[in-house]
N, C-alpha and C. Protein backbone atom coordinates (compact mmCIF):
# COMPACT_ATOMS: atom_id res chain seq x y z
N MET A 1 -56.86 23.06 52.87
CA MET A 1 -55.53 22.23 53.30
C MET A 1 -55.77 21.98 51.95
N THR A 2 -55.89 20.68 51.69
CA THR A 2 -55.63 19.98 50.65
C THR A 2 -55.26 20.93 49.21
N ARG A 3 -56.16 21.67 48.97
CA ARG A 3 -56.55 22.62 47.95
C ARG A 3 -54.59 23.52 47.85
N HIS A 4 -54.59 24.31 48.90
CA HIS A 4 -53.81 25.07 49.41
C HIS A 4 -52.00 24.55 48.95
N TYR A 5 -52.69 23.07 49.22
CA TYR A 5 -51.09 22.52 49.54
C TYR A 5 -50.62 21.73 47.82
N ILE A 6 -51.76 20.94 47.39
CA ILE A 6 -51.47 21.25 46.45
C ILE A 6 -51.00 22.12 45.07
N LEU A 7 -51.80 22.96 44.93
CA LEU A 7 -51.45 24.55 44.74
C LEU A 7 -50.22 25.19 44.43
N ARG A 8 -49.80 24.76 45.76
CA ARG A 8 -48.82 25.63 45.87
C ARG A 8 -47.22 24.42 45.84
N LEU A 9 -47.54 22.98 45.62
CA LEU A 9 -46.38 22.78 45.09
C LEU A 9 -46.70 22.22 43.65
N LEU A 10 -47.29 23.11 42.75
CA LEU A 10 -47.80 23.17 41.82
C LEU A 10 -46.90 23.98 41.13
N ASN A 11 -46.54 25.46 42.08
CA ASN A 11 -46.31 26.62 41.06
C ASN A 11 -45.10 27.34 42.25
N GLN A 12 -44.60 25.58 42.82
CA GLN A 12 -43.04 26.00 43.23
C GLN A 12 -42.62 25.36 42.08
N GLY A 13 -43.23 24.45 41.43
CA GLY A 13 -42.38 23.37 39.93
C GLY A 13 -41.44 22.37 40.63
N SER A 14 -42.01 22.48 42.28
CA SER A 14 -41.85 21.01 43.20
C SER A 14 -41.92 19.84 42.15
N ASP A 15 -40.48 18.26 42.10
CA ASP A 15 -40.22 17.54 42.17
C ASP A 15 -41.65 16.65 42.06
N PRO A 16 -42.11 16.47 43.05
CA PRO A 16 -44.21 15.61 43.50
C PRO A 16 -44.97 15.52 42.45
N LEU A 17 -45.29 17.17 41.82
CA LEU A 17 -46.45 17.52 41.20
C LEU A 17 -45.30 18.19 40.11
N ALA A 18 -44.47 18.06 39.60
CA ALA A 18 -43.27 18.89 38.79
C ALA A 18 -44.30 18.25 37.20
N TRP A 19 -44.70 16.96 36.73
CA TRP A 19 -44.90 16.94 35.97
C TRP A 19 -46.41 16.71 35.62
N LEU A 20 -46.62 17.23 36.84
CA LEU A 20 -48.59 17.64 36.64
C LEU A 20 -48.77 19.49 35.41
N GLU A 21 -47.83 19.53 36.29
CA GLU A 21 -47.36 21.01 35.37
C GLU A 21 -46.84 21.20 34.28
N GLN A 22 -46.45 20.34 33.50
CA GLN A 22 -46.03 19.63 32.06
C GLN A 22 -47.49 19.47 31.71
N ASN A 23 -47.97 18.51 32.12
CA ASN A 23 -49.25 18.23 32.20
C ASN A 23 -50.20 18.71 31.06
N LEU A 24 -50.68 19.50 31.95
CA LEU A 24 -51.07 21.26 32.30
C LEU A 24 -50.83 22.56 31.12
N GLU A 25 -50.11 22.49 30.54
CA GLU A 25 -49.06 23.65 29.33
C GLU A 25 -49.44 23.42 28.55
N LYS A 26 -50.80 23.17 27.90
CA LYS A 26 -51.70 23.92 27.07
C LYS A 26 -52.69 24.96 27.87
N ALA A 27 -52.61 24.44 29.14
CA ALA A 27 -53.76 25.53 29.85
C ALA A 27 -52.87 26.34 30.81
N ALA A 28 -51.96 26.93 30.27
CA ALA A 28 -50.79 27.24 32.27
C ALA A 28 -51.50 28.73 32.42
N GLN A 29 -52.20 29.04 30.92
CA GLN A 29 -52.45 30.19 32.25
C GLN A 29 -54.53 30.24 33.25
N HIS A 30 -54.77 28.67 33.40
CA HIS A 30 -55.62 28.87 34.00
C HIS A 30 -55.22 26.95 34.78
N ARG A 31 -54.08 27.23 35.19
CA ARG A 31 -53.44 25.60 35.81
C ARG A 31 -53.46 26.04 37.63
N GLU A 32 -54.32 26.45 38.15
CA GLU A 32 -54.90 26.56 39.45
C GLU A 32 -56.52 26.96 39.57
N GLN A 33 -57.32 26.89 38.18
CA GLN A 33 -58.76 26.67 37.70
C GLN A 33 -58.83 25.53 37.44
N ASP A 34 -57.54 25.17 36.56
CA ASP A 34 -57.90 23.72 36.34
C ASP A 34 -58.02 22.18 37.43
N ILE A 35 -56.60 22.17 38.43
CA ILE A 35 -56.50 21.41 39.96
C ILE A 35 -57.70 21.62 40.17
N LEU A 36 -58.03 22.81 40.60
CA LEU A 36 -58.93 22.73 41.17
C LEU A 36 -60.67 22.75 40.88
N ALA A 37 -61.26 22.44 39.75
CA ALA A 37 -62.39 21.96 38.80
C ALA A 37 -62.63 20.45 38.63
N ARG A 38 -60.86 19.36 38.92
CA ARG A 38 -60.76 18.33 39.33
C ARG A 38 -60.67 18.03 40.52
N LEU A 39 -60.34 18.83 41.94
CA LEU A 39 -60.48 18.35 42.96
C LEU A 39 -61.95 19.38 42.85
N GLU A 40 -63.24 20.06 42.34
CA GLU A 40 -64.80 19.72 42.58
C GLU A 40 -65.36 18.79 41.85
N SER A 41 -64.59 18.07 40.93
CA SER A 41 -65.63 16.92 40.48
C SER A 41 -65.40 16.13 41.05
N LEU A 42 -64.69 15.30 42.29
CA LEU A 42 -64.27 14.51 43.09
C LEU A 42 -65.73 13.83 43.45
N ALA A 43 -66.15 12.71 43.95
CA ALA A 43 -67.38 11.96 44.69
C ALA A 43 -66.08 12.07 45.89
N PRO A 44 -66.75 12.12 47.35
CA PRO A 44 -66.61 12.40 48.25
C PRO A 44 -66.06 11.18 48.76
N ALA A 45 -65.62 10.73 48.39
CA ALA A 45 -65.07 8.91 48.55
C ALA A 45 -63.95 9.23 48.59
N GLU A 46 -63.72 9.75 46.73
CA GLU A 46 -62.10 10.23 46.37
C GLU A 46 -61.86 11.01 46.70
N LEU A 47 -62.91 12.52 47.01
CA LEU A 47 -61.56 13.49 48.07
C LEU A 47 -61.38 13.07 49.05
N ALA A 48 -61.59 12.34 49.94
CA ALA A 48 -61.07 11.35 51.08
C ALA A 48 -60.12 11.30 51.29
N ALA A 49 -60.30 10.17 50.59
CA ALA A 49 -58.90 9.92 50.41
C ALA A 49 -57.75 10.09 49.34
N VAL A 50 -57.81 12.05 48.51
CA VAL A 50 -57.21 12.52 47.82
C VAL A 50 -56.13 13.38 49.56
N GLU A 51 -57.17 14.07 50.21
CA GLU A 51 -57.29 14.42 51.84
C GLU A 51 -56.33 13.54 52.69
N MET A 52 -56.57 11.44 52.57
CA MET A 52 -55.73 11.28 53.04
C MET A 52 -54.17 11.20 53.34
N ILE A 53 -53.57 11.44 51.60
CA ILE A 53 -53.23 10.97 50.81
C ILE A 53 -51.89 12.05 50.85
N VAL A 54 -52.69 13.22 50.51
CA VAL A 54 -51.73 14.50 50.62
C VAL A 54 -51.50 14.67 52.30
N ARG A 55 -51.79 14.05 53.06
CA ARG A 55 -51.69 14.65 55.00
C ARG A 55 -50.90 13.90 55.00
N LEU A 56 -50.34 12.40 54.64
CA LEU A 56 -49.74 11.38 54.47
C LEU A 56 -48.40 12.23 53.73
N HIS A 57 -48.14 12.66 52.57
CA HIS A 57 -47.28 12.78 51.98
C HIS A 57 -46.92 14.59 52.37
N ARG A 58 -47.75 15.04 53.58
CA ARG A 58 -46.98 16.11 53.94
C ARG A 58 -46.47 16.04 55.16
N SER A 59 -46.83 14.59 56.09
CA SER A 59 -45.77 13.94 56.80
C SER A 59 -44.66 13.44 56.49
N LEU A 60 -44.97 12.79 55.25
CA LEU A 60 -42.83 12.30 55.12
C LEU A 60 -42.18 13.18 54.06
N SER A 61 -42.65 14.71 54.14
CA SER A 61 -42.48 15.48 53.39
C SER A 61 -40.77 15.34 53.96
N GLY A 62 -41.30 15.83 55.43
CA GLY A 62 -39.68 16.58 56.38
C GLY A 62 -39.52 14.91 57.08
N THR A 63 -39.16 14.04 55.95
CA THR A 63 -38.64 13.41 56.67
C THR A 63 -36.85 13.76 55.75
N ALA A 64 -35.66 13.19 55.79
CA ALA A 64 -34.23 13.41 55.44
C ALA A 64 -34.40 13.27 54.12
N ALA A 65 -33.75 13.78 52.97
CA ALA A 65 -34.15 13.63 51.80
C ALA A 65 -33.58 12.08 51.02
N GLU A 66 -32.36 11.61 52.37
CA GLU A 66 -31.42 10.86 52.47
C GLU A 66 -31.96 9.46 52.41
N ASN A 67 -33.26 9.30 53.21
CA ASN A 67 -34.57 8.17 53.42
C ASN A 67 -34.80 8.20 52.18
N LEU A 68 -34.32 7.11 51.82
CA LEU A 68 -35.16 5.63 49.94
C LEU A 68 -35.70 5.20 50.48
N ASP A 69 -35.86 4.81 52.50
CA ASP A 69 -37.59 4.28 52.38
C ASP A 69 -38.42 5.21 52.13
N ALA A 70 -38.53 6.79 52.54
CA ALA A 70 -39.58 7.76 52.20
C ALA A 70 -40.52 8.55 51.57
N SER A 71 -38.95 8.11 50.59
CA SER A 71 -38.46 8.82 48.95
C SER A 71 -40.46 7.98 48.24
N VAL A 72 -39.28 6.52 48.89
CA VAL A 72 -40.30 5.60 47.86
C VAL A 72 -41.94 4.93 48.33
N GLN A 73 -41.81 6.17 49.05
CA GLN A 73 -43.34 6.01 49.64
C GLN A 73 -43.85 6.84 49.13
N ARG A 74 -43.53 8.65 49.09
CA ARG A 74 -43.87 9.28 48.56
C ARG A 74 -43.65 9.19 46.56
N LYS A 75 -43.05 8.43 46.14
CA LYS A 75 -44.02 8.82 45.05
C LYS A 75 -44.37 7.04 44.39
N SER A 76 -44.75 6.00 45.71
CA SER A 76 -45.93 6.01 45.27
C SER A 76 -47.16 7.25 45.28
N LEU A 77 -47.12 7.44 46.52
CA LEU A 77 -48.44 8.63 47.06
C LEU A 77 -48.37 8.72 46.10
N GLU A 78 -48.14 10.10 45.52
CA GLU A 78 -48.11 10.61 44.29
C GLU A 78 -48.50 9.56 43.06
N GLN A 79 -48.39 8.78 42.78
CA GLN A 79 -48.51 8.60 41.08
C GLN A 79 -50.48 7.79 42.16
N LYS A 80 -50.45 7.36 43.09
CA LYS A 80 -51.92 7.79 43.41
C LYS A 80 -53.11 8.33 43.26
N LEU A 81 -52.05 9.93 44.03
CA LEU A 81 -52.98 11.56 43.52
C LEU A 81 -52.66 11.56 42.02
N PHE A 82 -51.94 11.30 41.38
CA PHE A 82 -51.58 11.35 39.81
C PHE A 82 -53.34 10.93 39.24
N HIS A 83 -53.72 8.93 39.70
CA HIS A 83 -54.74 8.62 38.88
C HIS A 83 -55.85 9.25 39.60
N ILE A 84 -56.18 9.42 41.02
CA ILE A 84 -57.31 10.37 41.39
C ILE A 84 -57.99 11.09 40.47
N LEU A 85 -56.48 12.09 40.13
CA LEU A 85 -56.78 12.87 39.73
C LEU A 85 -57.21 13.16 37.80
N GLY A 86 -57.19 11.67 37.79
CA GLY A 86 -57.08 11.93 36.07
C GLY A 86 -55.80 12.19 35.54
N VAL A 87 -54.34 12.14 35.62
CA VAL A 87 -53.47 12.82 34.90
C VAL A 87 -52.98 11.50 34.73
N THR A 88 -52.07 11.50 33.67
CA THR A 88 -51.32 10.22 33.18
C THR A 88 -50.03 11.26 33.52
N PRO A 89 -49.30 9.95 33.84
CA PRO A 89 -48.06 10.15 35.62
C PRO A 89 -47.02 9.95 33.71
N PRO A 90 -45.72 10.66 34.14
CA PRO A 90 -44.59 10.08 32.86
C PRO A 90 -44.36 9.38 32.96
N THR A 91 -43.48 8.24 31.61
CA THR A 91 -43.52 7.12 31.55
C THR A 91 -42.38 6.79 32.91
N GLU A 92 -40.64 8.12 33.42
CA GLU A 92 -40.61 6.96 33.95
C GLU A 92 -40.93 8.06 35.17
N VAL A 93 -41.48 7.21 36.41
CA VAL A 93 -42.05 7.50 37.71
C VAL A 93 -41.21 8.42 38.32
N ALA A 94 -40.21 6.92 39.04
CA ALA A 94 -39.11 6.64 40.10
C ALA A 94 -37.96 6.19 39.66
N PRO A 95 -36.97 7.15 40.73
CA PRO A 95 -35.58 6.83 39.67
C PRO A 95 -35.52 5.54 39.77
N SER A 96 -34.03 5.57 39.69
CA SER A 96 -33.47 3.54 39.73
C SER A 96 -33.17 3.52 40.86
N GLU A 97 -32.53 4.21 42.23
CA GLU A 97 -32.36 3.91 43.55
C GLU A 97 -33.03 3.15 43.99
N MET A 98 -34.40 4.70 44.30
CA MET A 98 -35.65 4.11 44.46
C MET A 98 -36.13 2.83 44.33
N ILE A 99 -36.06 2.53 42.61
CA ILE A 99 -36.26 0.83 42.76
C ILE A 99 -36.24 -0.01 43.65
N ALA A 100 -34.73 0.56 43.33
CA ALA A 100 -33.65 -0.28 44.23
C ALA A 100 -34.04 -0.98 45.04
N ALA A 101 -34.70 0.24 46.54
CA ALA A 101 -34.48 0.39 47.16
C ALA A 101 -35.62 -0.32 48.07
N SER A 102 -37.04 -0.08 47.40
CA SER A 102 -38.47 -0.87 47.46
C SER A 102 -38.33 -2.16 46.91
N ALA A 103 -37.57 -2.67 46.14
CA ALA A 103 -37.65 -4.19 46.61
C ALA A 103 -36.28 -5.24 46.84
N ALA A 104 -35.32 -4.04 47.22
CA ALA A 104 -34.97 -5.08 48.54
C ALA A 104 -35.28 -5.22 49.58
N GLN A 105 -36.41 -4.49 50.62
CA GLN A 105 -37.08 -3.08 52.18
C GLN A 105 -37.58 -5.19 52.32
N ALA A 106 -37.60 -5.78 52.67
CA ALA A 106 -37.90 -6.79 53.29
C ALA A 106 -39.45 -6.34 53.76
N PRO A 107 -40.88 -6.96 53.58
CA PRO A 107 -41.89 -6.91 53.61
C PRO A 107 -42.39 -6.66 55.32
N LEU A 108 -43.33 -6.82 55.88
CA LEU A 108 -43.13 -6.33 57.26
C LEU A 108 -44.70 -7.59 57.51
N GLN A 109 -44.71 -7.86 58.35
CA GLN A 109 -45.55 -8.52 58.73
C GLN A 109 -46.21 -7.99 59.32
N LEU A 110 -47.63 -8.22 59.68
CA LEU A 110 -48.73 -7.50 60.19
C LEU A 110 -48.66 -8.15 62.00
N ALA A 111 -48.03 -8.42 62.40
CA ALA A 111 -47.65 -8.38 64.01
C ALA A 111 -47.06 -6.94 64.21
N GLN A 112 -46.13 -6.98 62.95
CA GLN A 112 -45.31 -5.79 63.74
C GLN A 112 -46.10 -5.05 63.77
N VAL A 113 -46.95 -4.44 62.17
CA VAL A 113 -47.52 -3.53 61.89
C VAL A 113 -48.26 -3.76 63.43
N LEU A 114 -49.25 -4.71 63.72
CA LEU A 114 -50.32 -4.61 65.47
C LEU A 114 -49.48 -3.90 66.40
N GLU A 115 -48.25 -4.50 66.29
CA GLU A 115 -47.22 -3.73 67.46
C GLU A 115 -46.94 -2.23 67.42
N HIS A 116 -46.49 -1.76 66.15
CA HIS A 116 -46.65 -0.59 65.66
C HIS A 116 -47.39 0.64 66.51
N LEU A 117 -48.82 -0.25 66.08
CA LEU A 117 -50.68 1.25 65.94
C LEU A 117 -50.64 0.90 67.85
N ASN A 118 -50.37 -0.24 68.51
CA ASN A 118 -51.31 -0.20 69.30
C ASN A 118 -50.23 0.07 70.38
N ARG A 119 -48.59 0.66 70.20
CA ARG A 119 -48.60 1.15 71.17
C ARG A 119 -47.93 3.07 70.59
N VAL A 120 -48.79 3.12 69.75
CA VAL A 120 -49.15 4.53 70.08
C VAL A 120 -50.32 4.80 69.83
N SER A 121 -51.25 3.60 70.56
CA SER A 121 -52.33 3.79 71.03
C SER A 121 -51.89 3.91 72.41
N LYS A 122 -51.13 2.88 73.12
CA LYS A 122 -51.40 3.25 73.72
C LYS A 122 -50.87 4.37 74.63
N VAL A 123 -49.68 5.26 73.91
CA VAL A 123 -49.28 7.43 73.86
C VAL A 123 -50.68 8.07 74.32
N ALA A 124 -51.12 7.16 73.47
CA ALA A 124 -52.93 8.45 73.57
C ALA A 124 -53.50 8.43 74.27
N GLN A 125 -53.74 6.79 74.80
CA GLN A 125 -54.27 6.76 76.10
C GLN A 125 -54.01 7.61 77.04
N LYS A 126 -52.50 7.62 77.19
CA LYS A 126 -52.59 8.13 78.30
C LYS A 126 -52.34 9.56 78.83
N TYR A 127 -53.35 9.80 77.59
CA TYR A 127 -53.56 11.31 77.66
C TYR A 127 -55.16 11.84 76.78
N LEU A 128 -55.29 10.58 76.77
CA LEU A 128 -56.79 10.96 76.50
C LEU A 128 -57.84 9.61 76.72
N GLY A 129 -57.10 8.98 77.21
CA GLY A 129 -58.20 7.73 77.65
C GLY A 129 -58.16 6.93 76.49
N SER A 130 -58.76 5.96 77.57
CA SER A 130 -58.83 4.96 76.25
C SER A 130 -60.84 4.18 75.04
N ARG A 131 -61.57 5.37 75.98
CA ARG A 131 -62.70 5.23 75.19
C ARG A 131 -62.50 6.51 74.19
N ILE A 132 -61.68 7.54 74.20
CA ILE A 132 -61.68 8.50 72.51
C ILE A 132 -60.22 8.00 71.93
N VAL A 133 -59.77 6.85 72.81
CA VAL A 133 -59.19 6.83 71.59
C VAL A 133 -59.11 5.52 71.25
N ALA A 134 -59.95 5.20 71.21
CA ALA A 134 -60.95 3.81 70.67
C ALA A 134 -61.64 4.54 69.77
N ASN A 135 -62.14 5.59 69.79
CA ASN A 135 -63.62 6.60 68.80
C ASN A 135 -62.56 6.92 67.76
N TYR A 136 -61.37 7.52 67.82
CA TYR A 136 -60.42 8.13 66.74
C TYR A 136 -60.03 7.01 65.58
N TRP A 137 -59.57 6.27 66.56
CA TRP A 137 -59.54 4.61 65.15
C TRP A 137 -60.84 4.48 64.31
N ARG A 138 -61.13 5.15 64.93
CA ARG A 138 -63.37 4.10 63.59
C ARG A 138 -63.41 4.78 63.18
N ALA A 139 -62.82 6.42 63.86
CA ALA A 139 -63.39 7.68 62.67
C ALA A 139 -62.80 7.69 61.50
N SER A 140 -61.15 7.63 61.96
CA SER A 140 -60.28 7.49 60.84
C SER A 140 -59.61 6.75 60.17
N ARG A 141 -60.49 5.36 60.25
CA ARG A 141 -60.28 4.17 59.45
C ARG A 141 -60.56 4.79 57.70
N PRO A 142 -59.44 4.36 57.31
CA PRO A 142 -60.27 4.03 56.09
C PRO A 142 -60.97 3.61 55.41
N PRO A 143 -61.48 3.47 54.20
CA PRO A 143 -62.97 3.03 54.48
C PRO A 143 -62.51 2.20 52.98
N SER A 144 -61.86 0.38 53.67
CA SER A 144 -61.17 -0.21 52.52
C SER A 144 -61.83 -1.21 53.29
N SER A 145 -61.95 -2.69 52.36
CA SER A 145 -61.97 -4.03 52.62
C SER A 145 -60.75 -4.21 53.69
N TRP A 146 -60.04 -4.14 53.34
CA TRP A 146 -58.36 -4.72 54.32
C TRP A 146 -59.06 -3.96 55.48
N CYS A 147 -58.80 -2.69 55.40
CA CYS A 147 -59.33 -2.07 56.88
C CYS A 147 -60.07 -2.44 58.15
N ALA A 148 -61.21 -2.65 57.29
CA ALA A 148 -62.59 -2.69 58.28
C ALA A 148 -61.92 -5.07 59.35
N ASP A 149 -60.64 -5.20 58.53
CA ASP A 149 -60.34 -6.06 58.38
C ASP A 149 -59.42 -6.05 60.63
N PHE A 150 -59.85 -5.40 60.61
CA PHE A 150 -58.91 -4.56 61.65
C PHE A 150 -60.42 -4.70 63.56
N LEU A 151 -60.26 -5.27 63.92
CA LEU A 151 -60.90 -4.94 65.55
C LEU A 151 -60.58 -3.63 66.65
N VAL A 152 -61.58 -2.77 65.87
CA VAL A 152 -60.44 -1.88 67.28
C VAL A 152 -62.19 -1.35 68.96
N SER A 153 -60.64 -2.74 70.22
CA SER A 153 -62.04 -2.62 70.79
C SER A 153 -62.15 -1.58 71.43
N ASP A 154 -63.11 -1.51 72.97
CA ASP A 154 -63.67 -0.49 73.95
C ASP A 154 -62.21 -0.01 74.08
N ASP A 155 -61.11 -0.19 74.80
CA ASP A 155 -59.64 0.11 75.61
C ASP A 155 -59.46 0.75 74.49
N GLY A 156 -58.95 0.39 73.48
CA GLY A 156 -58.69 1.52 72.04
C GLY A 156 -57.31 0.59 71.30
N SER A 157 -57.20 -1.46 71.80
CA SER A 157 -56.49 -1.77 71.45
C SER A 157 -56.72 -2.68 69.40
N ILE A 158 -56.01 -2.52 69.24
CA ILE A 158 -56.09 -3.16 67.89
C ILE A 158 -55.63 -4.42 67.44
N THR A 159 -56.76 -5.05 67.18
CA THR A 159 -56.33 -6.90 66.80
C THR A 159 -56.63 -6.89 65.12
N TYR A 160 -56.28 -8.33 64.44
CA TYR A 160 -56.82 -8.72 63.34
C TYR A 160 -57.58 -9.53 63.43
N GLN A 161 -58.63 -9.69 62.34
CA GLN A 161 -59.62 -10.74 62.12
C GLN A 161 -59.82 -11.47 60.87
N GLY A 162 -58.62 -11.56 61.01
CA GLY A 162 -58.47 -12.33 59.13
C GLY A 162 -58.32 -13.73 59.58
N ALA A 163 -57.71 -14.41 58.45
CA ALA A 163 -58.31 -15.82 57.79
C ALA A 163 -57.06 -16.57 59.50
N LEU A 164 -56.09 -15.60 59.39
CA LEU A 164 -54.97 -16.30 59.01
C LEU A 164 -53.63 -14.94 60.54
N PRO A 165 -53.03 -15.99 61.42
CA PRO A 165 -52.86 -15.17 62.18
C PRO A 165 -51.72 -13.91 62.14
N PRO A 166 -51.54 -13.14 62.60
CA PRO A 166 -50.35 -12.10 62.07
C PRO A 166 -49.66 -11.80 62.18
N GLN A 167 -49.00 -13.14 62.74
CA GLN A 167 -46.84 -13.27 62.65
C GLN A 167 -47.45 -14.12 61.06
N GLN A 168 -48.25 -14.38 60.29
CA GLN A 168 -48.24 -15.93 59.08
C GLN A 168 -48.97 -14.80 58.17
N VAL A 169 -49.55 -12.72 58.11
CA VAL A 169 -49.21 -12.60 57.29
C VAL A 169 -48.35 -11.28 56.87
N LEU A 170 -48.01 -10.76 55.55
CA LEU A 170 -47.25 -10.05 54.71
C LEU A 170 -48.84 -8.70 54.12
N VAL A 171 -47.63 -7.94 54.27
CA VAL A 171 -48.88 -7.20 54.48
C VAL A 171 -47.30 -6.32 53.32
N ASN A 172 -48.79 -6.71 51.69
CA ASN A 172 -47.70 -5.86 50.88
C ASN A 172 -48.08 -4.06 50.36
N SER A 173 -46.90 -3.70 49.76
CA SER A 173 -47.06 -1.78 49.74
C SER A 173 -49.04 -1.21 49.41
N SER A 174 -49.71 -1.52 49.13
CA SER A 174 -50.89 -0.79 48.80
C SER A 174 -51.60 -0.97 49.82
N GLN A 175 -51.25 -2.18 50.87
CA GLN A 175 -51.90 -1.86 52.20
C GLN A 175 -51.13 -1.78 53.35
N GLN A 176 -50.11 -1.49 52.98
CA GLN A 176 -49.48 -0.79 54.74
C GLN A 176 -50.14 0.39 53.79
N GLN A 177 -49.86 1.89 52.48
CA GLN A 177 -50.22 2.58 53.03
C GLN A 177 -51.79 2.31 53.15
N GLN A 178 -52.17 2.34 52.66
CA GLN A 178 -53.74 1.51 53.97
C GLN A 178 -53.31 2.48 55.56
N LEU A 179 -52.08 1.43 55.43
CA LEU A 179 -52.71 1.09 57.08
C LEU A 179 -51.81 3.23 57.73
N GLU A 180 -50.97 3.19 56.61
CA GLU A 180 -50.54 4.28 57.83
C GLU A 180 -50.49 5.76 56.66
N MET A 181 -52.03 5.85 56.14
CA MET A 181 -52.97 6.64 55.61
C MET A 181 -53.63 6.82 57.48
N TRP A 182 -53.45 5.48 57.67
CA TRP A 182 -55.26 5.55 59.14
C TRP A 182 -54.28 6.28 59.99
N LEU A 183 -53.29 5.70 60.75
CA LEU A 183 -51.98 6.22 61.71
C LEU A 183 -52.01 7.64 61.15
N VAL A 184 -51.86 8.81 59.88
CA VAL A 184 -51.66 9.34 59.41
C VAL A 184 -52.95 10.61 60.13
N SER A 185 -53.97 9.53 59.96
CA SER A 185 -55.59 10.68 60.30
C SER A 185 -56.02 9.74 61.89
N PHE A 186 -55.63 8.63 62.20
CA PHE A 186 -55.61 9.45 63.55
C PHE A 186 -54.56 10.13 64.68
N VAL A 187 -53.84 9.93 64.37
CA VAL A 187 -52.14 10.95 64.83
C VAL A 187 -53.32 12.73 64.73
N ASP A 188 -53.04 12.79 63.53
CA ASP A 188 -53.95 13.97 63.58
C ASP A 188 -54.82 14.52 64.42
N GLN A 189 -55.67 13.52 64.12
CA GLN A 189 -57.20 14.24 64.76
C GLN A 189 -56.50 14.08 66.68
N CYS A 190 -55.60 13.21 67.01
CA CYS A 190 -54.89 13.52 68.74
C CYS A 190 -54.21 14.81 68.00
N CYS A 191 -53.39 14.88 67.14
CA CYS A 191 -52.64 16.08 67.39
C CYS A 191 -54.62 17.92 67.56
N ARG A 192 -54.87 18.01 66.93
CA ARG A 192 -56.06 18.89 67.15
C ARG A 192 -56.35 19.14 68.62
N ILE A 193 -56.25 17.79 70.01
CA ILE A 193 -56.55 18.47 70.80
C ILE A 193 -54.99 18.71 72.42
N LEU A 194 -53.58 17.15 71.55
CA LEU A 194 -52.75 17.59 72.25
C LEU A 194 -51.41 18.32 71.11
N PRO A 195 -52.11 19.04 70.72
CA PRO A 195 -50.26 19.64 69.73
C PRO A 195 -49.09 19.13 69.77
N LEU A 196 -49.33 18.92 71.13
CA LEU A 196 -47.72 17.47 71.57
C LEU A 196 -47.19 16.48 71.16
N PHE A 197 -48.59 16.21 70.26
CA PHE A 197 -48.73 14.05 71.20
C PHE A 197 -47.36 13.51 69.30
N LYS A 198 -47.73 14.01 68.16
CA LYS A 198 -46.23 14.20 67.51
C LYS A 198 -44.66 13.75 67.92
N HIS A 199 -44.01 14.74 69.23
CA HIS A 199 -42.39 15.43 69.92
C HIS A 199 -43.38 13.85 71.06
N ASN A 200 -44.05 14.16 71.79
CA ASN A 200 -44.72 12.40 72.45
C ASN A 200 -44.50 11.58 72.02
N LEU A 201 -44.90 10.83 70.99
CA LEU A 201 -44.36 9.70 70.06
C LEU A 201 -43.12 9.67 69.77
N GLN A 202 -42.18 10.67 69.49
CA GLN A 202 -41.01 10.48 68.32
C GLN A 202 -39.99 10.49 69.69
N LYS A 203 -40.49 10.74 71.56
CA LYS A 203 -39.81 10.46 72.83
C LYS A 203 -39.61 8.94 72.86
N ALA A 204 -40.92 7.96 72.19
CA ALA A 204 -41.20 7.46 72.87
C ALA A 204 -40.43 5.91 71.71
N ARG A 205 -39.95 6.74 70.46
CA ARG A 205 -39.35 6.27 68.87
C ARG A 205 -40.43 5.51 68.41
N LEU A 206 -41.78 6.01 68.23
CA LEU A 206 -42.35 5.75 67.17
C LEU A 206 -42.66 7.06 66.42
N SER A 207 -42.80 6.70 64.73
CA SER A 207 -42.93 7.24 64.34
C SER A 207 -44.54 7.66 63.69
N ASP A 208 -44.37 8.29 62.86
CA ASP A 208 -46.37 9.30 63.29
C ASP A 208 -46.50 9.50 61.75
N SER A 209 -46.31 8.17 61.00
CA SER A 209 -46.17 8.77 59.61
C SER A 209 -46.14 6.88 58.75
N SER A 210 -45.67 6.45 59.96
CA SER A 210 -44.41 5.30 58.71
C SER A 210 -44.93 4.11 60.58
N LEU A 211 -44.78 2.68 59.46
CA LEU A 211 -44.60 1.44 60.27
C LEU A 211 -43.81 0.58 60.68
N ARG A 212 -42.67 1.30 60.28
CA ARG A 212 -40.84 0.38 59.99
C ARG A 212 -40.72 0.83 61.04
N SER A 213 -39.52 0.51 61.92
CA SER A 213 -38.85 0.92 63.05
C SER A 213 -37.77 1.75 62.76
N GLU A 214 -37.85 3.39 62.59
CA GLU A 214 -36.87 4.51 62.42
C GLU A 214 -35.69 4.44 62.78
N SER A 215 -34.50 4.56 61.52
CA SER A 215 -33.50 4.11 61.52
C SER A 215 -33.65 2.48 61.70
N GLY A 216 -34.95 1.47 62.06
CA GLY A 216 -33.93 0.44 62.04
C GLY A 216 -33.66 0.14 63.56
N THR A 217 -34.37 1.31 64.61
CA THR A 217 -34.62 0.79 66.21
C THR A 217 -35.53 0.12 66.93
N THR A 218 -36.37 -0.30 67.14
CA THR A 218 -37.42 -0.51 67.73
C THR A 218 -37.81 0.05 68.44
N ALA A 219 -39.52 0.29 68.47
CA ALA A 219 -39.53 1.23 69.57
C ALA A 219 -39.49 0.48 70.79
N VAL A 220 -39.33 2.01 71.95
CA VAL A 220 -39.42 1.29 73.31
C VAL A 220 -40.70 1.12 74.18
N SER A 221 -40.95 1.13 75.07
CA SER A 221 -42.35 1.04 75.31
C SER A 221 -41.65 2.05 76.42
N ASP A 222 -43.09 2.74 76.69
CA ASP A 222 -42.64 3.75 77.62
C ASP A 222 -43.94 3.33 79.18
N LYS A 223 -43.31 2.49 80.07
CA LYS A 223 -44.36 1.92 81.03
C LYS A 223 -44.56 3.12 82.40
N ARG A 224 -44.22 4.63 81.66
CA ARG A 224 -44.59 5.39 83.47
C ARG A 224 -46.25 6.10 83.46
């Protein structure tokens, strides 16, 4: 799936990976073999990171084009993908309006992140039960020291075990992307059993790929 997605972007010459096509211009006839060789040469941890990035990018690709927040996230994910594949990105990576939107965006409080993750967890628990949900969170956790600071209880709830309380911790862009990768991977696992799980999250006004409230709307807790 990951290979197909990357190759499809290359073959279509779409913006996310259009620059990669230019970098491989010298081997135009062997473009697909080149990118596949790059993927095959990755270490297991790097390949896992690529798959996570592609999943998150696919989720964000369904977002409206005028959503600058999603555009900034996609561009940042593409840069991470470029770095892992060992290809140098162009000098101008993001449009100026994306940079301005990113700079103007207020950082997330960790307390907001935990609230979102636990709301998603509550929706999943209604259909899968607490133990399965807890196992899904643990299995989908990215292998990073930052994500290791989060404790998943057997009841499916997520807490932060850092030195400061969540209300005093601001999440930087890199940390946010790691947590969003975790969210996307968890949702993907749930969708294997519950094909309509993303729809259930939408009904609860919860994003399946972003930790920010959609359109500034606070997620509504479904108590039924």
